[in-house]
Amino acid sequence: MRRVVLAALVVAAVSGCSSSSNNTSDPVSACKSAINAVCTKLFNCYPSEAAQVYTNVGTCETTLSATGCTTANTTCPTGKTYNSSNASQCITDYSKQSCTDVGNGTVPTSCSNICT
C-alpha cells in the first residue's frame, strides 16, 4: 500500500503538467489527464493495494484531481510557458511506465519539460 500512496503523491507533484483521452488543452486538463493515466496504472499494477486506498479508478482520479489539479498548482512559474505537446508526452510516458517505476514513484523525465 505504501507504493500506491507514494505513486499517488508523485502524480500530485506533477500537477504542473477524468477522461480516457489525453486533454492537454490547458494545464488543469493536462493534470487531470495525467492523474487518469497514473490512477489507471496504479489499479493495473497494484489492484488490491490501490483499492484499499481509493476503492476504484474514478475515486482515485477525483481525490487526486481535487487537491492537485487547481489553477494555483498548475500555473507555470514566471517566465515559463505551458507546452501542451510536452504535457502530452508526459502523460504518454506515465501510461507506458513499468509497474516497478510506478511503485517507486518515478516521474518520467519528460514531465519536467511541461513548462518551458
C-alpha atoms as a PDB file:
ATOM      1  CA  MET A   1       0.000   0.000   0.000  1.00  0.00           C
ATOM      2  CA  ARG A   2       2.939   2.311   0.624  1.00  0.00           C
ATOM      3  CA  ARG A   3       3.769   2.105  -3.068  1.00  0.00           C
ATOM      4  CA  VAL A   4       0.258   3.170  -4.040  1.00  0.00           C
ATOM      5  CA  VAL A   5       0.338   6.170  -1.747  1.00  0.00           C
ATOM      6  CA  LEU A   6       3.820   7.146  -2.932  1.00  0.00           C
ATOM      7  CA  ALA A   7       2.842   6.935  -6.591  1.00  0.00           C
ATOM      8  CA  ALA A   8      -0.290   8.965  -5.963  1.00  0.00           C
ATOM      9  CA  LEU A   9       1.714  11.653  -4.194  1.00  0.00           C
ATOM     10  CA  VAL A  10       4.110  11.779  -7.105  1.00  0.00           C
ATOM     11  CA  VAL A  11       1.289  12.431  -9.518  1.00  0.00           C
ATOM     12  CA  ALA A  12       0.100  15.256  -7.345  1.00  0.00           C
ATOM     13  CA  ALA A  13       3.585  16.706  -7.731  1.00  0.00           C
ATOM     14  CA  VAL A  14       3.176  16.572 -11.494  1.00  0.00           C
ATOM     15  CA  SER A  15       0.283  18.962 -11.257  1.00  0.00           C
ATOM     16  CA  GLY A  16       2.282  21.428 -13.293  1.00  0.00           C
ATOM     17  CA  CYS A  17       1.910  19.230 -16.058  1.00  0.00           C
ATOM     18  CA  SER A  18     -11.355  12.000 -15.879  1.00  0.00           C
ATOM     19  CA  SER A  19     -11.440  11.123 -19.243  1.00  0.00           C
ATOM     20  CA  SER A  20      -9.846   8.307 -21.195  1.00  0.00           C
ATOM     21  CA  SER A  21      -8.417  10.763 -23.748  1.00  0.00           C
ATOM     22  CA  ASN A  22      -5.417  12.964 -23.104  1.00  0.00           C
ATOM     23  CA  ASN A  23      -6.753  16.503 -22.955  1.00  0.00           C
ATOM     24  CA  THR A  24      -3.786  18.856 -22.814  1.00  0.00           C
ATOM     25  CA  SER A  25      -5.593  21.996 -23.977  1.00  0.00           C
ATOM     26  CA  ASP A  26      -4.723  23.741 -20.721  1.00  0.00           C
ATOM     27  CA  PRO A  27      -2.657  22.900 -17.620  1.00  0.00           C
ATOM     28  CA  VAL A  28      -5.622  21.855 -15.446  1.00  0.00           C
ATOM     29  CA  SER A  29      -6.930  19.484 -18.130  1.00  0.00           C
ATOM     30  CA  ALA A  30      -3.444  18.066 -18.640  1.00  0.00           C
ATOM     31  CA  CYS A  31      -3.131  17.495 -14.913  1.00  0.00           C
ATOM     32  CA  LYS A  32      -6.428  15.592 -14.871  1.00  0.00           C
ATOM     33  CA  SER A  33      -5.296  13.500 -17.847  1.00  0.00           C
ATOM     34  CA  ALA A  34      -2.009  12.716 -16.076  1.00  0.00           C
ATOM     35  CA  ILE A  35      -3.901  11.669 -12.971  1.00  0.00           C
ATOM     36  CA  ASN A  36      -6.139   9.459 -15.095  1.00  0.00           C
ATOM     37  CA  ALA A  37      -3.032   7.760 -16.520  1.00  0.00           C
ATOM     38  CA  VAL A  38      -1.467   7.233 -13.105  1.00  0.00           C
ATOM     39  CA  CYS A  39      -4.654   6.020 -11.390  1.00  0.00           C
ATOM     40  CA  THR A  40      -5.267   3.580 -14.231  1.00  0.00           C
ATOM     41  CA  LYS A  41      -1.690   2.335 -13.954  1.00  0.00           C
ATOM     42  CA  LEU A  42      -1.952   2.025 -10.164  1.00  0.00           C
ATOM     43  CA  PHE A  43      -5.045  -0.148 -10.455  1.00  0.00           C
ATOM     44  CA  ASN A  44      -3.473  -2.247 -13.220  1.00  0.00           C
ATOM     45  CA  CYS A  45      -0.229  -2.782 -11.303  1.00  0.00           C
ATOM     46  CA  TYR A  46      -1.430  -2.892  -7.689  1.00  0.00           C
ATOM     47  CA  PRO A  47      -5.186  -3.578  -7.794  1.00  0.00           C
ATOM     48  CA  SER A  48      -5.757  -4.651  -4.197  1.00  0.00           C
ATOM     49  CA  GLU A  49      -3.473  -2.021  -2.682  1.00  0.00           C
ATOM     50  CA  ALA A  50      -4.965   0.750  -4.838  1.00  0.00           C
ATOM     51  CA  ALA A  51      -8.496  -0.373  -3.974  1.00  0.00           C
ATOM     52  CA  GLN A  52      -7.688  -0.178  -0.251  1.00  0.00           C
ATOM     53  CA  VAL A  53      -6.727   3.473  -0.671  1.00  0.00           C
ATOM     54  CA  TYR A  54      -9.090   4.685  -3.426  1.00  0.00           C
ATOM     55  CA  THR A  55     -11.749   1.966  -3.952  1.00  0.00           C
ATOM     56  CA  ASN A  56     -11.696   2.455  -7.751  1.00  0.00           C
ATOM     57  CA  VAL A  57     -10.047   4.425 -10.554  1.00  0.00           C
ATOM     58  CA  GLY A  58     -12.777   7.078 -10.539  1.00  0.00           C
ATOM     59  CA  THR A  59     -12.336   7.810  -6.840  1.00  0.00           C
ATOM     60  CA  CYS A  60      -8.566   7.922  -7.295  1.00  0.00           C
ATOM     61  CA  GLU A  61      -8.967  10.492 -10.087  1.00  0.00           C
ATOM     62  CA  THR A  62     -11.494  12.576  -8.169  1.00  0.00           C
ATOM     63  CA  THR A  63      -9.426  12.594  -4.986  1.00  0.00           C
ATOM     64  CA  LEU A  64      -6.119  13.495  -6.626  1.00  0.00           C
ATOM     65  CA  SER A  65      -7.617  15.981  -9.088  1.00  0.00           C
ATOM     66  CA  ALA A  66      -9.411  17.877  -6.339  1.00  0.00           C
ATOM     67  CA  THR A  67      -6.201  18.578  -4.465  1.00  0.00           C
ATOM     68  CA  GLY A  68      -3.632  18.592  -7.264  1.00  0.00           C
ATOM     69  CA  CYS A  69      -5.300  19.985 -10.375  1.00  0.00           C
ATOM     70  CA  THR A  70      -6.065  23.522  -9.300  1.00  0.00           C
ATOM     71  CA  THR A  71      -5.117  26.620 -11.232  1.00  0.00           C
ATOM     72  CA  ALA A  72      -2.699  27.557  -8.465  1.00  0.00           C
ATOM     73  CA  ASN A  73      -0.955  24.184  -8.686  1.00  0.00           C
ATOM     74  CA  THR A  74      -0.811  24.030 -12.478  1.00  0.00           C
ATOM     75  CA  THR A  75       0.366  27.556 -13.302  1.00  0.00           C
ATOM     76  CA  CYS A  76       3.841  27.683 -14.798  1.00  0.00           C
ATOM     77  CA  PRO A  77       6.469  29.711 -12.955  1.00  0.00           C
ATOM     78  CA  THR A  78       7.095  33.285 -14.020  1.00  0.00           C
ATOM     79  CA  GLY A  79       8.995  33.376 -17.297  1.00  0.00           C
ATOM     80  CA  LYS A  80       7.843  29.884 -18.325  1.00  0.00           C
ATOM     81  CA  THR A  81       5.039  28.926 -20.712  1.00  0.00           C
ATOM     82  CA  TYR A  82       2.821  25.849 -20.672  1.00  0.00           C
ATOM     83  CA  ASN A  83       3.667  23.449 -23.523  1.00  0.00           C
ATOM     84  CA  SER A  84       0.765  21.138 -24.395  1.00  0.00           C
ATOM     85  CA  SER A  85       2.913  18.858 -26.587  1.00  0.00           C
ATOM     86  CA  ASN A  86       5.305  18.250 -23.712  1.00  0.00           C
ATOM     87  CA  ALA A  87       2.368  17.657 -21.368  1.00  0.00           C
ATOM     88  CA  SER A  88       1.018  15.074 -23.797  1.00  0.00           C
ATOM     89  CA  GLN A  89       4.404  13.324 -23.868  1.00  0.00           C
ATOM     90  CA  CYS A  90       4.469  13.278 -20.056  1.00  0.00           C
ATOM     91  CA  ILE A  91       1.044  11.614 -19.937  1.00  0.00           C
ATOM     92  CA  THR A  92       2.059   9.081 -22.587  1.00  0.00           C
ATOM     93  CA  ASP A  93       5.225   8.279 -20.653  1.00  0.00           C
ATOM     94  CA  TYR A  94       3.248   7.759 -17.426  1.00  0.00           C
ATOM     95  CA  SER A  95       0.977   5.341 -19.288  1.00  0.00           C
ATOM     96  CA  LYS A  96       3.979   3.356 -20.521  1.00  0.00           C
ATOM     97  CA  GLN A  97       5.799   3.147 -17.186  1.00  0.00           C
ATOM     98  CA  SER A  98       6.607  -0.208 -15.691  1.00  0.00           C
ATOM     99  CA  CYS A  99       4.840  -1.227 -12.515  1.00  0.00           C
ATOM    100  CA  THR A 100       8.195  -1.051 -10.744  1.00  0.00           C
ATOM    101  CA  ASP A 101       8.649   2.589 -11.754  1.00  0.00           C
ATOM    102  CA  VAL A 102       5.090   3.438 -10.718  1.00  0.00           C
ATOM    103  CA  GLY A 103       5.563   1.694  -7.373  1.00  0.00           C
ATOM    104  CA  ASN A 104       8.841   3.512  -6.798  1.00  0.00           C
ATOM    105  CA  GLY A 105       7.222   6.881  -7.542  1.00  0.00           C
ATOM    106  CA  THR A 106       9.437   7.506 -10.576  1.00  0.00           C
ATOM    107  CA  VAL A 107       8.341  10.572 -12.512  1.00  0.00           C
ATOM    108  CA  PRO A 108       9.064  10.327 -16.253  1.00  0.00           C
ATOM    109  CA  THR A 109      11.825  12.687 -17.354  1.00  0.00           C
ATOM    110  CA  SER A 110       9.507  14.267 -19.925  1.00  0.00           C
ATOM    111  CA  CYS A 111       7.327  15.620 -17.124  1.00  0.00           C
ATOM    112  CA  SER A 112       9.994  18.150 -16.143  1.00  0.00           C
ATOM    113  CA  ASN A 113       9.501  19.925 -19.508  1.00  0.00           C
ATOM    114  CA  ILE A 114       5.823  20.874 -19.299  1.00  0.00           C
ATOM    115  CA  CYS A 115       6.678  24.480 -18.576  1.00  0.00           C
ATOM    116  CA  THR A 116       9.373  25.745 -20.916  1.00  0.00           C
END
